[in-house]
Amino acid sequence: MNSQSRIKGFSLIELMVGIALGLLVVAGVGTIFANNYKTRTETEKTNLQIENGRYATQLLTDEIHMAGYYGELDPTSLTVPSSLPDPCDITNATLVSAVALPVQGVNDAAAGPSCISDLKPGTDIFVDRRASSCVQGTPGCAGGSYMFFQASLCSTAPGQYLINASTASLNLTAKDCATTADIRSYRTNIYFVAKDDQPGDGIPTLKVAELGSAGFTITPLVEGIDQFQIEYGIDTNGDSIPDAYTSDPGTYGGCTGAQCQTNWRNVVTAKLYVLARNTLPTGGFSDTHVYTAGGNTYGPFNDAYKRHLYTSLVRLNNVAGRLE
């Protein structure tokens, strides 16, 4: 026999067995790839949620640390306003009177003040007031279009301060009663949770309304913040240590009149509760957990979004430090 007669191809059975084995290998590799992709996707979602939760908590912590900073002015001797000021009111008289209240808030807000929009009902609103840590005109100090603040240490005019949108209108003097006193940007920041990041996207987002010379500008800060609660530590005996925690100093102890505003001024610490959720759902998952924040419970949500609660205890350094 010649060599050609000894060359044979695969039989039908051999071909079918080979194809079947190949399909099994492809199916196995495909399953591994799909599982790895799913695991990587869930890991990315979780990492993003952790990053957002921690960033939101740190951002609020840093802002609370700075609340009540007014440069050379010690506001402890200022008279508190007769009623809690509207944080959206930018008239000069309201801004000047509100300096006595470094922080302010709304507990479980059903509706927000006029300068914020798309508020997620049942979340807290936090307001802080302060001057910039840098002096206008120094290198690296952003000018911006903010309101401006000036305090005087002149011995013949103690405790004076001015707030105005124009630096030309600020004419107080320093301790020597001759040199122009430092001018700083004046800030009122209103932090709240909005129902959407962009209109209609359904992603709850921490936002801030920042005071500028023409009013408030709303800026999205952190996506996926589902709930924000805050408890305020009130110092009732002047030792800079909180003696009680409450979600609303304006009603603490059954206060009436100016005492309610004094409670706000005596806030020296704050407990933050930030509930962050994934921005994308997880297939086959249902959130059945219950989360406790600020004396309230949230959940079970029974939806496909994974969540985690972040907490932090923060000291109002400028307020508490003046009492030590």
Protein backbone atom coordinates (compact mmCIF):
# COMPACT_ATOMS: atom_id res chain seq x y z
CA MET A 1 0.00 0.00 0.00
CA ASN A 2 1.22 3.48 -0.73
CA SER A 3 1.43 6.21 1.95
CA GLN A 4 -1.75 7.94 0.82
CA SER A 5 -3.87 4.90 1.63
CA ARG A 6 -2.70 5.00 5.24
CA ILE A 7 -3.78 8.68 5.82
CA LYS A 8 -7.20 8.84 7.47
CA GLY A 9 -9.31 11.78 8.85
CA PHE A 10 -11.36 11.99 12.05
CA SER A 11 -14.42 9.87 12.30
CA LEU A 12 -17.76 11.54 12.99
CA ILE A 13 -17.73 10.24 16.57
CA GLU A 14 -14.22 11.59 17.20
CA LEU A 15 -15.21 14.95 15.74
CA MET A 16 -18.29 15.19 17.94
CA VAL A 17 -16.32 14.24 21.04
CA GLY A 18 -13.70 16.91 20.22
CA ILE A 19 -16.31 19.58 19.67
CA ALA A 20 -18.04 18.64 22.94
CA LEU A 21 -14.77 18.84 24.88
CA GLY A 22 -13.99 22.20 23.26
CA LEU A 23 -17.38 23.57 24.21
CA LEU A 24 -16.88 22.44 27.79
CA VAL A 25 -13.54 24.25 27.91
CA VAL A 26 -15.03 27.41 26.38
CA ALA A 27 -17.98 27.27 28.80
CA GLY A 28 -15.63 26.90 31.76
CA VAL A 29 -13.43 29.78 30.65
CA GLY A 30 -16.53 31.89 29.94
CA THR A 31 -17.94 31.18 33.41
CA ILE A 32 -14.65 32.13 35.05
CA PHE A 33 -14.50 35.32 32.98
CA ALA A 34 -18.10 36.23 33.82
CA ASN A 35 -17.56 35.61 37.55
CA ASN A 36 -14.36 37.61 37.55
CA TYR A 37 -16.09 40.47 35.73
CA LYS A 38 -18.98 40.41 38.20
CA THR A 39 -16.61 40.33 41.15
CA ARG A 40 -14.55 43.20 39.75
CA THR A 41 -17.69 45.25 39.07
CA GLU A 42 -19.00 44.71 42.61
CA THR A 43 -15.58 45.54 44.04
CA GLU A 44 -15.52 48.79 42.06
CA LYS A 45 -19.03 49.66 43.30
CA THR A 46 -18.03 48.98 46.89
CA ASN A 47 -14.78 50.91 46.59
CA LEU A 48 -16.65 53.88 45.15
CA GLN A 49 -19.22 53.74 47.94
CA ILE A 50 -16.49 53.60 50.60
CA GLU A 51 -14.65 56.47 48.96
CA ASN A 52 -17.80 58.57 48.73
CA GLY A 53 -18.86 57.85 52.33
CA ARG A 54 -15.46 58.64 53.75
CA TYR A 55 -15.02 61.72 51.59
CA ALA A 56 -18.43 63.12 52.57
CA THR A 57 -17.67 62.52 56.25
CA GLN A 58 -14.22 64.11 56.00
CA LEU A 59 -15.53 67.08 54.04
CA LEU A 60 -18.19 67.79 56.67
CA THR A 61 -15.67 67.22 59.47
CA ASP A 62 -13.24 69.76 58.03
CA GLU A 63 -16.02 72.32 57.60
CA ILE A 64 -17.28 71.87 61.17
CA HIS A 65 -13.74 72.28 62.49
CA MET A 66 -13.63 75.71 60.85
CA ALA A 67 -17.13 76.87 61.83
CA GLY A 68 -17.13 80.09 63.83
CA TYR A 69 -13.72 81.30 62.69
CA TYR A 70 -13.87 85.10 62.43
CA GLY A 71 -10.24 86.12 62.38
CA GLU A 72 -9.62 88.67 65.12
CA LEU A 73 -13.22 88.76 66.33
CA ASP A 74 -14.34 86.90 69.45
CA PRO A 75 -18.11 86.50 68.97
CA THR A 76 -18.85 85.15 72.46
CA SER A 77 -19.87 88.63 73.64
CA LEU A 78 -22.25 89.21 70.73
CA THR A 79 -25.97 89.27 71.38
CA VAL A 80 -27.79 86.34 69.80
CA PRO A 81 -30.59 87.27 67.39
CA SER A 82 -34.14 87.24 68.75
CA SER A 83 -35.08 84.47 66.33
CA LEU A 84 -33.23 81.90 64.28
CA PRO A 85 -32.10 83.66 61.09
CA ASP A 86 -33.09 82.50 57.64
CA PRO A 87 -29.83 81.04 56.26
CA CYS A 88 -30.86 82.15 52.76
CA ASP A 89 -31.36 85.78 53.76
CA ILE A 90 -28.38 87.78 52.44
CA THR A 91 -29.50 91.20 53.62
CA ASN A 92 -26.72 92.93 55.52
CA ALA A 93 -28.66 93.12 58.79
CA THR A 94 -29.33 89.37 58.82
CA LEU A 95 -25.75 88.44 57.92
CA VAL A 96 -24.38 90.68 60.66
CA SER A 97 -26.72 89.32 63.33
CA ALA A 98 -26.10 85.70 62.29
CA VAL A 99 -22.37 85.96 63.10
CA ALA A 100 -23.29 85.09 66.71
CA LEU A 101 -24.46 81.64 65.52
CA PRO A 102 -21.54 79.70 63.95
CA VAL A 103 -23.78 76.69 63.22
CA GLN A 104 -27.45 76.17 62.55
CA GLY A 105 -29.53 73.30 61.24
CA VAL A 106 -32.87 71.78 60.39
CA ASN A 107 -33.67 68.33 61.77
CA ASP A 108 -35.42 65.82 59.48
CA ALA A 109 -36.32 68.60 57.09
CA ALA A 110 -39.58 68.21 55.19
CA ALA A 111 -38.73 71.25 53.08
CA GLY A 112 -35.64 73.38 52.77
CA PRO A 113 -35.03 77.13 52.88
CA SER A 114 -35.67 79.07 49.69
CA CYS A 115 -32.10 78.99 48.34
CA ILE A 116 -31.84 75.18 48.05
CA SER A 117 -33.78 72.85 45.79
CA ASP A 118 -34.52 69.15 45.29
CA LEU A 119 -34.12 68.42 49.01
CA LYS A 120 -34.56 64.78 49.99
CA PRO A 121 -37.26 64.91 52.70
CA GLY A 122 -36.36 63.52 56.11
CA THR A 123 -32.67 64.41 55.89
CA ASP A 124 -30.89 67.04 57.97
CA ILE A 125 -29.73 70.44 56.77
CA PHE A 126 -26.51 71.88 58.24
CA VAL A 127 -25.45 75.53 58.07
CA ASP A 128 -22.05 76.88 59.10
CA ARG A 129 -20.73 80.42 59.08
CA ARG A 130 -17.14 81.59 59.13
CA ALA A 131 -14.54 83.86 57.63
CA SER A 132 -11.78 82.65 55.34
CA SER A 133 -8.55 81.54 57.02
CA CYS A 134 -6.51 83.72 54.65
CA VAL A 135 -6.42 87.51 54.30
CA GLN A 136 -7.48 89.08 51.02
CA GLY A 137 -4.53 90.14 48.91
CA THR A 138 -2.04 87.60 50.29
CA PRO A 139 -0.47 85.13 47.82
CA GLY A 140 -2.61 82.07 47.26
CA CYS A 141 -5.73 83.56 48.83
CA ALA A 142 -8.56 83.30 46.33
CA GLY A 143 -10.50 86.51 45.89
CA GLY A 144 -13.70 85.07 44.48
CA SER A 145 -17.01 86.91 44.45
CA TYR A 146 -17.89 86.22 48.07
CA MET A 147 -19.15 88.55 50.74
CA PHE A 148 -16.33 90.04 52.79
CA PHE A 149 -15.72 90.27 56.53
CA GLN A 150 -13.66 92.71 58.59
CA ALA A 151 -13.13 92.90 62.35
CA SER A 152 -11.53 95.68 64.37
CA LEU A 153 -9.19 95.36 67.36
CA CYS A 154 -8.99 99.10 67.86
CA SER A 155 -9.32 99.78 71.60
CA THR A 156 -11.72 102.65 70.99
CA ALA A 157 -14.08 100.44 69.01
CA PRO A 158 -13.90 96.93 70.46
CA GLY A 159 -16.06 94.19 69.03
CA GLN A 160 -16.83 95.97 65.79
CA TYR A 161 -17.15 94.02 62.56
CA LEU A 162 -18.53 94.61 59.10
CA ILE A 163 -19.85 92.38 56.30
CA ASN A 164 -20.23 93.71 52.79
CA ALA A 165 -20.03 92.59 49.17
CA SER A 166 -17.60 95.43 48.41
CA THR A 167 -14.21 95.66 50.09
CA ALA A 168 -14.30 99.42 49.49
CA SER A 169 -17.05 99.66 52.11
CA LEU A 170 -14.91 98.01 54.81
CA ASN A 171 -13.03 100.71 56.71
CA LEU A 172 -12.36 99.35 60.20
CA THR A 173 -8.88 99.62 61.67
CA ALA A 174 -6.47 97.22 63.35
CA LYS A 175 -5.25 97.34 66.96
CA ASP A 176 -3.26 100.53 66.37
CA CYS A 177 -6.52 102.26 65.32
CA ALA A 178 -4.79 103.52 62.16
CA THR A 179 -3.93 100.57 59.91
CA THR A 180 -6.76 99.09 57.88
CA ALA A 181 -7.93 95.84 59.50
CA ASP A 182 -7.61 92.54 57.65
CA ILE A 183 -10.34 91.69 55.16
CA ARG A 184 -11.42 88.09 54.65
CA SER A 185 -13.98 86.31 52.54
CA TYR A 186 -17.18 85.63 54.48
CA ARG A 187 -18.78 82.24 54.00
CA THR A 188 -22.19 80.77 54.70
CA ASN A 189 -22.43 77.14 53.58
CA ILE A 190 -25.65 75.12 53.61
CA TYR A 191 -25.13 71.35 53.33
CA PHE A 192 -28.04 69.11 52.37
CA VAL A 193 -28.94 65.87 50.56
CA ALA A 194 -30.64 66.29 47.20
CA LYS A 195 -32.80 63.62 45.56
CA ASP A 196 -30.78 63.81 42.33
CA ASP A 197 -27.23 64.54 41.25
CA GLN A 198 -28.41 65.64 37.82
CA PRO A 199 -32.13 66.31 37.27
CA GLY A 200 -34.07 63.05 37.20
CA ASP A 201 -31.16 60.61 37.63
CA GLY A 202 -32.39 59.40 41.04
CA ILE A 203 -28.92 59.42 42.64
CA PRO A 204 -29.10 61.01 46.12
CA THR A 205 -26.25 63.47 46.43
CA LEU A 206 -24.67 65.63 49.12
CA LYS A 207 -24.71 69.22 47.90
CA VAL A 208 -23.74 72.63 49.26
CA ALA A 209 -25.26 76.04 48.70
CA GLU A 210 -22.42 78.57 48.95
CA LEU A 211 -22.93 82.27 49.54
CA GLY A 212 -21.65 84.58 46.83
CA SER A 213 -22.12 88.27 46.23
CA ALA A 214 -25.18 87.58 44.05
CA GLY A 215 -26.73 84.92 46.27
CA PHE A 216 -26.28 81.19 46.72
CA THR A 217 -24.78 78.77 44.20
CA ILE A 218 -25.54 75.04 44.58
CA THR A 219 -22.68 72.62 43.93
CA PRO A 220 -22.93 68.78 43.93
CA LEU A 221 -20.27 67.30 46.21
CA VAL A 222 -20.65 63.53 46.70
CA GLU A 223 -22.93 61.07 44.90
CA GLY A 224 -24.72 58.22 46.65
CA ILE A 225 -25.32 59.92 50.01
CA ASP A 226 -28.68 58.46 50.99
CA GLN A 227 -29.09 59.99 54.44
CA PHE A 228 -27.41 62.68 56.53
CA GLN A 229 -28.09 63.17 60.23
CA ILE A 230 -26.33 65.25 62.86
CA GLU A 231 -26.52 65.46 66.65
CA TYR A 232 -25.24 68.58 68.39
CA GLY A 233 -23.29 68.55 71.66
CA ILE A 234 -24.33 71.54 73.82
CA ASP A 235 -22.11 73.00 76.52
CA THR A 236 -24.46 74.18 79.28
CA ASN A 237 -21.91 75.28 81.90
CA GLY A 238 -19.15 77.02 79.91
CA ASP A 239 -16.38 74.41 80.23
CA SER A 240 -16.20 73.65 76.47
CA ILE A 241 -17.35 70.05 77.09
CA PRO A 242 -20.74 68.90 75.77
CA ASP A 243 -23.23 68.19 78.54
CA ALA A 244 -26.05 66.93 76.31
CA TYR A 245 -26.62 65.83 72.73
CA THR A 246 -29.70 66.74 70.76
CA SER A 247 -30.78 66.65 67.14
CA ASP A 248 -32.31 70.14 67.52
CA PRO A 249 -30.75 72.68 69.91
CA GLY A 250 -33.59 75.03 68.98
CA THR A 251 -36.00 72.91 71.01
CA TYR A 252 -33.63 71.43 73.62
CA GLY A 253 -34.87 71.58 77.19
CA GLY A 254 -38.15 73.14 76.16
CA CYS A 255 -36.33 76.42 75.47
CA THR A 256 -38.16 79.60 74.54
CA GLY A 257 -37.08 82.88 72.97
CA ALA A 258 -33.41 83.81 72.90
CA GLN A 259 -32.43 80.75 74.96
CA CYS A 260 -33.03 78.60 71.88
CA GLN A 261 -30.54 80.69 69.89
CA THR A 262 -28.12 80.52 72.83
CA ASN A 263 -28.31 76.72 72.65
CA TRP A 264 -27.15 76.93 69.05
CA ARG A 265 -24.27 79.22 70.00
CA ASN A 266 -23.20 76.79 72.75
CA VAL A 267 -22.79 73.85 70.36
CA VAL A 268 -19.20 72.62 70.82
CA THR A 269 -19.27 69.17 69.16
CA ALA A 270 -21.24 67.37 66.48
CA LYS A 271 -21.94 63.69 65.81
CA LEU A 272 -22.16 62.99 62.08
CA TYR A 273 -24.08 60.11 60.53
CA VAL A 274 -23.63 59.64 56.78
CA LEU A 275 -25.44 56.75 55.06
CA ALA A 276 -23.79 56.07 51.70
CA ARG A 277 -25.17 53.72 49.05
CA ASN A 278 -23.89 52.32 45.78
CA THR A 279 -24.82 54.43 42.79
CA LEU A 280 -25.68 51.28 40.79
CA PRO A 281 -27.85 48.31 41.87
CA THR A 282 -26.53 44.81 42.47
CA GLY A 283 -28.40 42.00 40.76
CA GLY A 284 -29.91 39.46 43.13
CA PHE A 285 -29.25 41.60 46.21
CA SER A 286 -31.85 43.07 48.58
CA ASP A 287 -30.90 45.50 51.37
CA THR A 288 -32.72 44.18 54.44
CA HIS A 289 -30.52 45.97 56.97
CA VAL A 290 -31.75 48.58 59.46
CA TYR A 291 -29.48 51.59 60.07
CA THR A 292 -29.58 53.77 63.20
CA ALA A 293 -28.52 57.40 62.77
CA GLY A 294 -29.18 60.36 65.01
CA GLY A 295 -31.81 58.54 67.02
CA ASN A 296 -33.73 57.51 63.90
CA THR A 297 -33.83 54.16 62.12
CA TYR A 298 -33.79 53.70 58.35
CA GLY A 299 -34.64 50.55 56.43
CA PRO A 300 -35.06 47.86 55.51
CA PHE A 301 -35.04 49.41 52.04
CA ASN A 302 -35.57 46.07 50.25
CA ASP A 303 -33.90 47.40 47.12
CA ALA A 304 -30.79 46.31 45.22
CA TYR A 305 -28.46 49.05 46.53
CA LYS A 306 -25.73 48.18 49.05
CA ARG A 307 -25.25 50.72 51.86
CA HIS A 308 -22.88 51.52 54.71
CA LEU A 309 -23.23 53.95 57.65
CA TYR A 310 -20.29 56.24 58.47
CA THR A 311 -20.06 58.11 61.79
CA SER A 312 -17.74 60.75 63.19
CA LEU A 313 -17.53 62.89 66.33
CA VAL A 314 -16.29 66.39 65.51
CA ARG A 315 -15.19 69.25 67.76
CA LEU A 316 -16.00 72.84 66.83
CA ASN A 317 -12.49 74.06 67.51
CA ASN A 318 -13.19 77.78 67.28
CA VAL A 319 -16.26 77.69 69.50
CA ALA A 320 -14.96 75.26 72.13
CA GLY A 321 -11.48 76.79 72.12
CA ARG A 322 -12.79 80.19 73.19
CA LEU A 323 -14.39 78.64 76.28
CA GLU A 324 -11.25 76.91 77.54
